[in-house]
Protein backbone atom coordinates (compact mmCIF):
# COMPACT_ATOMS: atom_id res chain seq x y z
CA MET A 1 1.71 -18.54 4.77
CA GLN A 2 4.92 -17.10 3.41
CA THR A 3 6.74 -14.67 5.69
CA GLY A 4 8.68 -12.67 3.14
CA ASN A 5 12.41 -12.49 2.57
CA PRO A 6 14.18 -14.33 5.44
CA ASP A 7 17.38 -12.35 4.75
CA HIS A 8 15.62 -9.01 5.22
CA PRO A 9 15.83 -7.65 8.78
CA ASP A 10 12.11 -6.82 8.97
CA SER A 11 10.99 -10.36 8.13
CA THR A 12 11.64 -11.62 11.65
CA GLN A 13 10.04 -8.68 13.43
CA SER A 14 6.43 -9.37 12.58
CA ALA A 15 4.26 -11.81 10.72
CA ASP A 16 1.41 -9.29 10.35
CA PHE A 17 -0.69 -9.57 7.22
CA PHE A 18 -1.18 -6.29 5.38
CA SER A 19 -4.46 -5.41 3.71
CA LEU A 20 -3.91 -2.45 1.39
CA ARG A 21 -6.05 -0.44 -1.01
CA LEU A 22 -4.56 1.87 -3.59
CA PHE A 23 -6.98 4.33 -5.13
CA ILE A 24 -5.92 5.61 -8.54
CA ALA A 25 -7.40 7.66 -11.38
CA GLY A 26 -7.33 5.58 -14.53
CA ALA A 27 -4.03 5.21 -16.38
CA SER A 28 -2.60 8.61 -15.51
CA PRO A 29 1.21 8.75 -15.18
CA VAL A 30 0.99 9.48 -11.45
CA SER A 31 -1.39 6.56 -10.89
CA ALA A 32 0.82 4.20 -12.91
CA ARG A 33 3.86 5.31 -10.90
CA ALA A 34 1.99 4.71 -7.63
CA VAL A 35 1.11 1.15 -8.68
CA VAL A 36 4.71 0.33 -9.66
CA ASN A 37 6.14 1.90 -6.51
CA ILE A 38 3.81 0.25 -3.99
CA ARG A 39 4.15 -3.17 -5.63
CA ALA A 40 7.95 -2.89 -5.45
CA ILE A 41 7.83 -1.87 -1.79
CA CYS A 42 5.44 -4.69 -0.90
CA GLU A 43 7.50 -7.32 -2.69
CA GLU A 44 10.71 -6.14 -1.06
CA PHE A 45 9.47 -5.74 2.52
CA ILE A 46 6.29 -7.81 3.01
CA ALA A 47 6.32 -10.41 0.24
CA GLY A 48 3.76 -13.12 0.89
CA ARG A 49 2.15 -11.12 3.71
CA TYR A 50 -0.05 -8.67 1.87
CA GLU A 51 -3.04 -8.18 -0.36
CA LEU A 52 -3.15 -5.10 -2.55
CA ASP A 53 -6.42 -3.98 -4.10
CA ILE A 54 -5.97 -1.40 -6.84
CA ILE A 55 -9.15 0.60 -7.26
CA ASP A 56 -9.86 3.01 -10.10
CA ALA A 57 -11.79 5.86 -8.50
CA HIS A 58 -13.70 6.49 -11.74
CA GLN A 59 -14.98 2.91 -11.86
CA GLN A 60 -15.65 2.47 -8.12
CA PRO A 61 -17.06 5.79 -6.83
CA LEU A 62 -18.92 4.05 -4.01
CA LEU A 63 -15.65 2.70 -2.56
CA VAL A 64 -14.13 6.17 -2.85
CA GLN A 65 -16.97 7.55 -0.77
CA GLN A 66 -16.94 4.60 1.64
CA ASP A 67 -13.21 4.92 2.36
CA ASP A 68 -13.37 8.73 2.50
CA VAL A 69 -10.79 9.19 -0.24
CA THR A 70 -9.90 12.87 -0.46
CA ALA A 71 -7.00 12.75 -2.93
CA ILE A 72 -5.72 10.45 -5.68
CA PRO A 73 -3.56 8.43 -5.59
CA MET A 74 -4.18 7.33 -2.01
CA LEU A 75 -2.92 4.21 -0.28
CA ILE A 76 -5.01 2.96 2.63
CA LYS A 77 -3.58 0.42 5.06
CA LYS A 78 -6.63 -1.40 6.44
CA SER A 79 -4.65 -3.84 8.54
CA PRO A 80 -2.77 -4.30 10.68
CA VAL A 81 -4.29 -1.51 12.73
CA PRO A 82 -4.09 1.42 13.03
CA ILE A 83 -5.61 2.32 9.69
CA LYS A 84 -3.36 4.74 7.78
CA LYS A 85 -3.87 6.85 4.66
CA LEU A 86 -0.96 7.93 2.49
CA ILE A 87 -1.37 10.40 -0.36
CA GLY A 88 0.91 10.44 -3.38
CA ASP A 89 2.69 8.17 -5.81
CA CYS A 90 4.50 6.17 -3.09
CA SER A 91 7.89 7.29 -4.41
CA ASP A 92 9.08 8.35 -0.94
CA ARG A 93 9.93 4.84 0.28
CA GLU A 94 10.82 6.01 3.78
CA LYS A 95 7.45 7.73 4.20
CA VAL A 96 5.57 4.69 2.85
CA LEU A 97 7.44 2.25 5.09
CA LYS A 98 6.84 4.46 8.10
CA GLY A 99 3.14 4.75 7.20
CA LEU A 100 2.88 0.98 6.91
CA GLY A 101 4.65 0.55 10.23
CA ILE A 102 7.59 -1.33 8.72
CA SER A 103 11.06 -0.90 10.20
CA PHE A 104 13.81 -0.47 7.67
């Protein structure tokens, strides 16, 4: 298993594997921005240590109900625990990193 960028300070703190779900609404501009932003954050801070499922709420309504999605876009960190839910386009990097439990 890859442990991310060895030159990045966070890479030595934890080898946790992140399981993430991003709920979006089709190809809306806000949804597209959320996808780009969270992928960039993941590649910079937890490369090789994450799985990101992108779920279109219109195509997967059962998952929306199952994960109690109340707003779109919503990022859910399934693991490592605790489970966290972040609402928005993930443009506030500091908020996203804090929500994921990543030191920066």
